[in-house]
C-alpha atoms as a PDB file:
ATOM      1  CA  UNK A   1     -15.503   4.339 -22.556  1.00  0.00           C
ATOM      2  CA  UNK A   2     -13.930   2.236 -25.254  1.00  0.00           C
ATOM      3  CA  UNK A   3     -11.036   2.538 -27.677  1.00  0.00           C
ATOM      4  CA  UNK A   4     -11.132   5.231 -30.360  1.00  0.00           C
ATOM      5  CA  UNK A   5      -8.688   5.902 -33.203  1.00  0.00           C
ATOM      6  CA  UNK A   6      -8.258   9.587 -33.974  1.00  0.00           C
ATOM      7  CA  UNK A   7      -6.123  11.785 -36.189  1.00  0.00           C
ATOM      8  CA  UNK A   8      -3.831  14.516 -34.888  1.00  0.00           C
ATOM      9  CA  UNK A   9      -3.344  17.536 -37.145  1.00  0.00           C
ATOM     10  CA  UNK A  10      -0.078  19.442 -37.584  1.00  0.00           C
ATOM     11  CA  UNK A  11      -0.895  21.593 -34.530  1.00  0.00           C
ATOM     12  CA  UNK A  12      -1.493  18.586 -32.266  1.00  0.00           C
ATOM     13  CA  UNK A  13      -5.287  18.894 -32.248  1.00  0.00           C
ATOM     14  CA  UNK A  14      -7.551  15.878 -32.146  1.00  0.00           C
ATOM     15  CA  UNK A  15     -11.304  15.630 -32.163  1.00  0.00           C
ATOM     16  CA  UNK A  16     -12.616  13.980 -28.999  1.00  0.00           C
ATOM     17  CA  UNK A  17     -15.569  11.608 -28.913  1.00  0.00           C
ATOM     18  CA  UNK A  18     -18.551  13.430 -27.432  1.00  0.00           C
ATOM     19  CA  UNK A  19     -18.497  11.283 -24.287  1.00  0.00           C
ATOM     20  CA  UNK A  20     -14.840  12.287 -23.618  1.00  0.00           C
ATOM     21  CA  UNK A  21     -15.504  16.026 -23.767  1.00  0.00           C
ATOM     22  CA  UNK A  22     -15.525  18.000 -20.529  1.00  0.00           C
ATOM     23  CA  UNK A  23     -18.119  20.576 -19.611  1.00  0.00           C
ATOM     24  CA  UNK A  24     -17.578  23.747 -21.653  1.00  0.00           C
ATOM     25  CA  UNK A  25     -14.790  25.889 -20.194  1.00  0.00           C
ATOM     26  CA  UNK A  26     -13.547  23.185 -17.822  1.00  0.00           C
ATOM     27  CA  UNK A  27      -9.836  22.395 -17.827  1.00  0.00           C
ATOM     28  CA  UNK A  28      -8.307  19.004 -18.548  1.00  0.00           C
ATOM     29  CA  UNK A  29      -4.867  17.925 -17.384  1.00  0.00           C
ATOM     30  CA  UNK A  30      -2.185  15.892 -19.181  1.00  0.00           C
ATOM     31  CA  UNK A  31      -0.013  13.545 -17.155  1.00  0.00           C
ATOM     32  CA  UNK A  32       2.678  11.245 -18.599  1.00  0.00           C
ATOM     33  CA  UNK A  33       2.113   7.709 -17.256  1.00  0.00           C
ATOM     34  CA  UNK A  34       2.890   4.071 -17.895  1.00  0.00           C
ATOM     35  CA  UNK A  35      -0.005   1.609 -17.978  1.00  0.00           C
ATOM     36  CA  UNK A  36       1.112  -2.006 -17.718  1.00  0.00           C
ATOM     37  CA  UNK A  37       4.564  -0.690 -18.677  1.00  0.00           C
ATOM     38  CA  UNK A  38       3.304   1.136 -21.794  1.00  0.00           C
ATOM     39  CA  UNK A  39       3.774   4.910 -22.200  1.00  0.00           C
ATOM     40  CA  UNK A  40       0.657   7.040 -22.445  1.00  0.00           C
ATOM     41  CA  UNK A  41      -0.701  10.511 -21.866  1.00  0.00           C
ATOM     42  CA  UNK A  42      -3.407  10.427 -19.236  1.00  0.00           C
ATOM     43  CA  UNK A  43      -6.000  13.179 -19.583  1.00  0.00           C
ATOM     44  CA  UNK A  44      -7.666  13.946 -16.263  1.00  0.00           C
ATOM     45  CA  UNK A  45     -11.017  15.683 -16.017  1.00  0.00           C
ATOM     46  CA  UNK A  46     -11.335  18.471 -13.471  1.00  0.00           C
ATOM     47  CA  UNK A  47     -13.063  16.009 -11.115  1.00  0.00           C
ATOM     48  CA  UNK A  48     -10.265  13.426 -11.477  1.00  0.00           C
ATOM     49  CA  UNK A  49      -7.621  16.134 -10.954  1.00  0.00           C
ATOM     50  CA  UNK A  50      -9.392  17.395  -7.824  1.00  0.00           C
ATOM     51  CA  UNK A  51      -9.739  13.841  -6.514  1.00  0.00           C
ATOM     52  CA  UNK A  52      -5.993  13.243  -6.940  1.00  0.00           C
ATOM     53  CA  UNK A  53      -5.228  16.389  -4.955  1.00  0.00           C
ATOM     54  CA  UNK A  54      -7.609  15.193  -2.230  1.00  0.00           C
ATOM     55  CA  UNK A  55      -5.832  11.800  -2.166  1.00  0.00           C
ATOM     56  CA  UNK A  56      -2.530  13.608  -1.669  1.00  0.00           C
ATOM     57  CA  UNK A  57      -3.962  15.731   1.136  1.00  0.00           C
ATOM     58  CA  UNK A  58      -5.310  12.593   2.837  1.00  0.00           C
ATOM     59  CA  UNK A  59      -2.041  10.639   2.787  1.00  0.00           C
ATOM     60  CA  UNK A  60      -2.368   9.455   6.366  1.00  0.00           C
ATOM     61  CA  UNK A  61       1.026   7.791   6.629  1.00  0.00           C
ATOM     62  CA  UNK A  62       3.067  10.891   5.758  1.00  0.00           C
ATOM     63  CA  UNK A  63       3.921  14.243   7.241  1.00  0.00           C
ATOM     64  CA  UNK A  64       3.105  17.682   5.819  1.00  0.00           C
ATOM     65  CA  UNK A  65       6.554  18.025   4.231  1.00  0.00           C
ATOM     66  CA  UNK A  66       6.093  14.748   2.305  1.00  0.00           C
ATOM     67  CA  UNK A  67       2.575  15.679   1.207  1.00  0.00           C
ATOM     68  CA  UNK A  68       3.866  19.067   0.010  1.00  0.00           C
ATOM     69  CA  UNK A  69       6.627  17.332  -1.955  1.00  0.00           C
ATOM     70  CA  UNK A  70       4.114  14.923  -3.546  1.00  0.00           C
ATOM     71  CA  UNK A  71       1.776  17.807  -4.375  1.00  0.00           C
ATOM     72  CA  UNK A  72       4.658  19.795  -5.879  1.00  0.00           C
ATOM     73  CA  UNK A  73       5.775  16.800  -7.923  1.00  0.00           C
ATOM     74  CA  UNK A  74       2.235  16.283  -9.185  1.00  0.00           C
ATOM     75  CA  UNK A  75       1.847  19.937 -10.216  1.00  0.00           C
ATOM     76  CA  UNK A  76       5.265  19.801 -11.885  1.00  0.00           C
ATOM     77  CA  UNK A  77       4.178  16.835 -14.010  1.00  0.00           C
ATOM     78  CA  UNK A  78       0.832  18.329 -15.117  1.00  0.00           C
ATOM     79  CA  UNK A  79       0.166  20.258 -18.329  1.00  0.00           C
ATOM     80  CA  UNK A  80      -3.272  21.862 -18.440  1.00  0.00           C
ATOM     81  CA  UNK A  81      -5.414  22.448 -21.498  1.00  0.00           C
ATOM     82  CA  UNK A  82      -8.992  23.030 -22.604  1.00  0.00           C
ATOM     83  CA  UNK A  83     -11.176  21.528 -25.295  1.00  0.00           C
ATOM     84  CA  UNK A  84     -12.324  24.095 -27.843  1.00  0.00           C
ATOM     85  CA  UNK A  85     -15.953  24.678 -28.892  1.00  0.00           C
ATOM     86  CA  UNK A  86     -15.565  22.204 -31.767  1.00  0.00           C
ATOM     87  CA  UNK A  87     -14.556  19.421 -29.347  1.00  0.00           C
ATOM     88  CA  UNK A  88     -10.861  19.478 -30.251  1.00  0.00           C
ATOM     89  CA  UNK A  89      -8.132  19.001 -27.679  1.00  0.00           C
ATOM     90  CA  UNK A  90      -4.668  20.398 -28.410  1.00  0.00           C
ATOM     91  CA  UNK A  91      -1.678  18.412 -27.202  1.00  0.00           C
ATOM     92  CA  UNK A  92       1.338  20.729 -26.980  1.00  0.00           C
ATOM     93  CA  UNK A  93       3.831  19.788 -29.703  1.00  0.00           C
ATOM     94  CA  UNK A  94       6.728  18.985 -27.352  1.00  0.00           C
ATOM     95  CA  UNK A  95       4.471  16.825 -25.162  1.00  0.00           C
ATOM     96  CA  UNK A  96       3.001  14.967 -28.149  1.00  0.00           C
ATOM     97  CA  UNK A  97       6.361  14.330 -29.780  1.00  0.00           C
ATOM     98  CA  UNK A  98       7.888  13.357 -26.422  1.00  0.00           C
ATOM     99  CA  UNK A  99       5.297  10.578 -26.243  1.00  0.00           C
ATOM    100  CA  UNK A 100       6.106   9.425 -29.779  1.00  0.00           C
ATOM    101  CA  UNK A 101       2.993  10.895 -31.384  1.00  0.00           C
ATOM    102  CA  UNK A 102       3.484  12.206 -34.923  1.00  0.00           C
ATOM    103  CA  UNK A 103       2.061  15.557 -36.017  1.00  0.00           C
ATOM    104  CA  UNK A 104       0.125  14.971 -38.157  1.00  0.00           C
ATOM    105  CA  UNK A 105      -0.548  11.346 -37.316  1.00  0.00           C
ATOM    106  CA  UNK A 106      -2.756   8.844 -35.563  1.00  0.00           C
ATOM    107  CA  UNK A 107      -3.564   8.333 -31.899  1.00  0.00           C
ATOM    108  CA  UNK A 108      -5.525   5.766 -29.916  1.00  0.00           C
ATOM    109  CA  UNK A 109      -7.784   7.030 -27.120  1.00  0.00           C
ATOM    110  CA  UNK A 110      -8.824   4.678 -24.324  1.00  0.00           C
ATOM    111  CA  UNK A 111     -11.676   5.632 -22.026  1.00  0.00           C
ATOM    112  CA  UNK A 112     -11.178   5.107 -18.281  1.00  0.00           C
ATOM    113  CA  UNK A 113     -14.250   6.709 -16.699  1.00  0.00           C
ATOM    114  CA  UNK A 114     -13.450  10.247 -15.532  1.00  0.00           C
ATOM    115  CA  UNK A 115     -10.225  10.199 -17.501  1.00  0.00           C
ATOM    116  CA  UNK A 116      -8.864   8.829 -20.743  1.00  0.00           C
ATOM    117  CA  UNK A 117      -5.467   7.935 -22.113  1.00  0.00           C
ATOM    118  CA  UNK A 118      -3.809   8.744 -25.399  1.00  0.00           C
ATOM    119  CA  UNK A 119      -1.426   6.226 -27.020  1.00  0.00           C
ATOM    120  CA  UNK A 120       0.561   5.983 -30.205  1.00  0.00           C
ATOM    121  CA  UNK A 121      -1.053   3.397 -32.503  1.00  0.00           C
ATOM    122  CA  UNK A 122       1.754   0.944 -31.713  1.00  0.00           C
ATOM    123  CA  UNK A 123       1.401   1.481 -27.956  1.00  0.00           C
ATOM    124  CA  UNK A 124      -2.390   1.197 -28.252  1.00  0.00           C
ATOM    125  CA  UNK A 125      -1.992  -2.264 -29.792  1.00  0.00           C
ATOM    126  CA  UNK A 126       0.555  -3.203 -27.126  1.00  0.00           C
ATOM    127  CA  UNK A 127      -1.883  -2.060 -24.426  1.00  0.00           C
ATOM    128  CA  UNK A 128      -4.661  -4.250 -25.789  1.00  0.00           C
ATOM    129  CA  UNK A 129      -2.345  -7.267 -25.747  1.00  0.00           C
ATOM    130  CA  UNK A 130      -1.096  -6.428 -22.229  1.00  0.00           C
ATOM    131  CA  UNK A 131      -4.646  -6.036 -20.909  1.00  0.00           C
ATOM    132  CA  UNK A 132      -5.623  -9.370 -22.467  1.00  0.00           C
ATOM    133  CA  UNK A 133      -2.634 -11.060 -20.775  1.00  0.00           C
ATOM    134  CA  UNK A 134      -3.588  -9.337 -17.532  1.00  0.00           C
ATOM    135  CA  UNK A 135      -7.138 -10.735 -17.789  1.00  0.00           C
ATOM    136  CA  UNK A 136      -5.756 -14.214 -18.505  1.00  0.00           C
ATOM    137  CA  UNK A 137      -3.401 -14.028 -15.512  1.00  0.00           C
ATOM    138  CA  UNK A 138      -5.861 -12.504 -13.051  1.00  0.00           C
ATOM    139  CA  UNK A 139      -9.085 -14.463 -12.610  1.00  0.00           C
ATOM    140  CA  UNK A 140     -10.463 -11.765 -10.297  1.00  0.00           C
ATOM    141  CA  UNK A 141     -10.682  -9.333 -13.239  1.00  0.00           C
ATOM    142  CA  UNK A 142     -12.719 -11.821 -15.256  1.00  0.00           C
ATOM    143  CA  UNK A 143     -14.920 -12.680 -12.265  1.00  0.00           C
ATOM    144  CA  UNK A 144     -15.769  -9.062 -11.487  1.00  0.00           C
ATOM    145  CA  UNK A 145     -16.425  -8.244 -15.135  1.00  0.00           C
ATOM    146  CA  UNK A 146     -18.355 -11.483 -15.732  1.00  0.00           C
ATOM    147  CA  UNK A 147     -15.977 -12.585 -18.511  1.00  0.00           C
ATOM    148  CA  UNK A 148     -15.271 -16.106 -17.232  1.00  0.00           C
END
């Protein structure tokens, strides 16, 4: 949960908040995404990854060939990793730099339940503004969250 500012070292490692850390030895999965049009790295837990595969398998309006293509595309987009015993996650250098993250440098982590997203500081600020606009434009969000 929440927004957390963290530092990346020269090897692309960042210390995760305790609540973001997976069970010891469990994999996490990087996926490049856009959230409200803003580039981010989504980090899926094993449970979120497995759930996405199940969603693909249950695509009721598509044939096996389409589901296989979607599954293949998904696997082709994923980069897997693990969190070390000190709670540090390593983002591969090419992936980090491809997302505009500087090594060393800062990153913004945003909790999303069973997953979290990693943004550049600039994109993290843009996300906050975009989410605020989204809440202003969509009364249902405010109603469900009790913000209105």
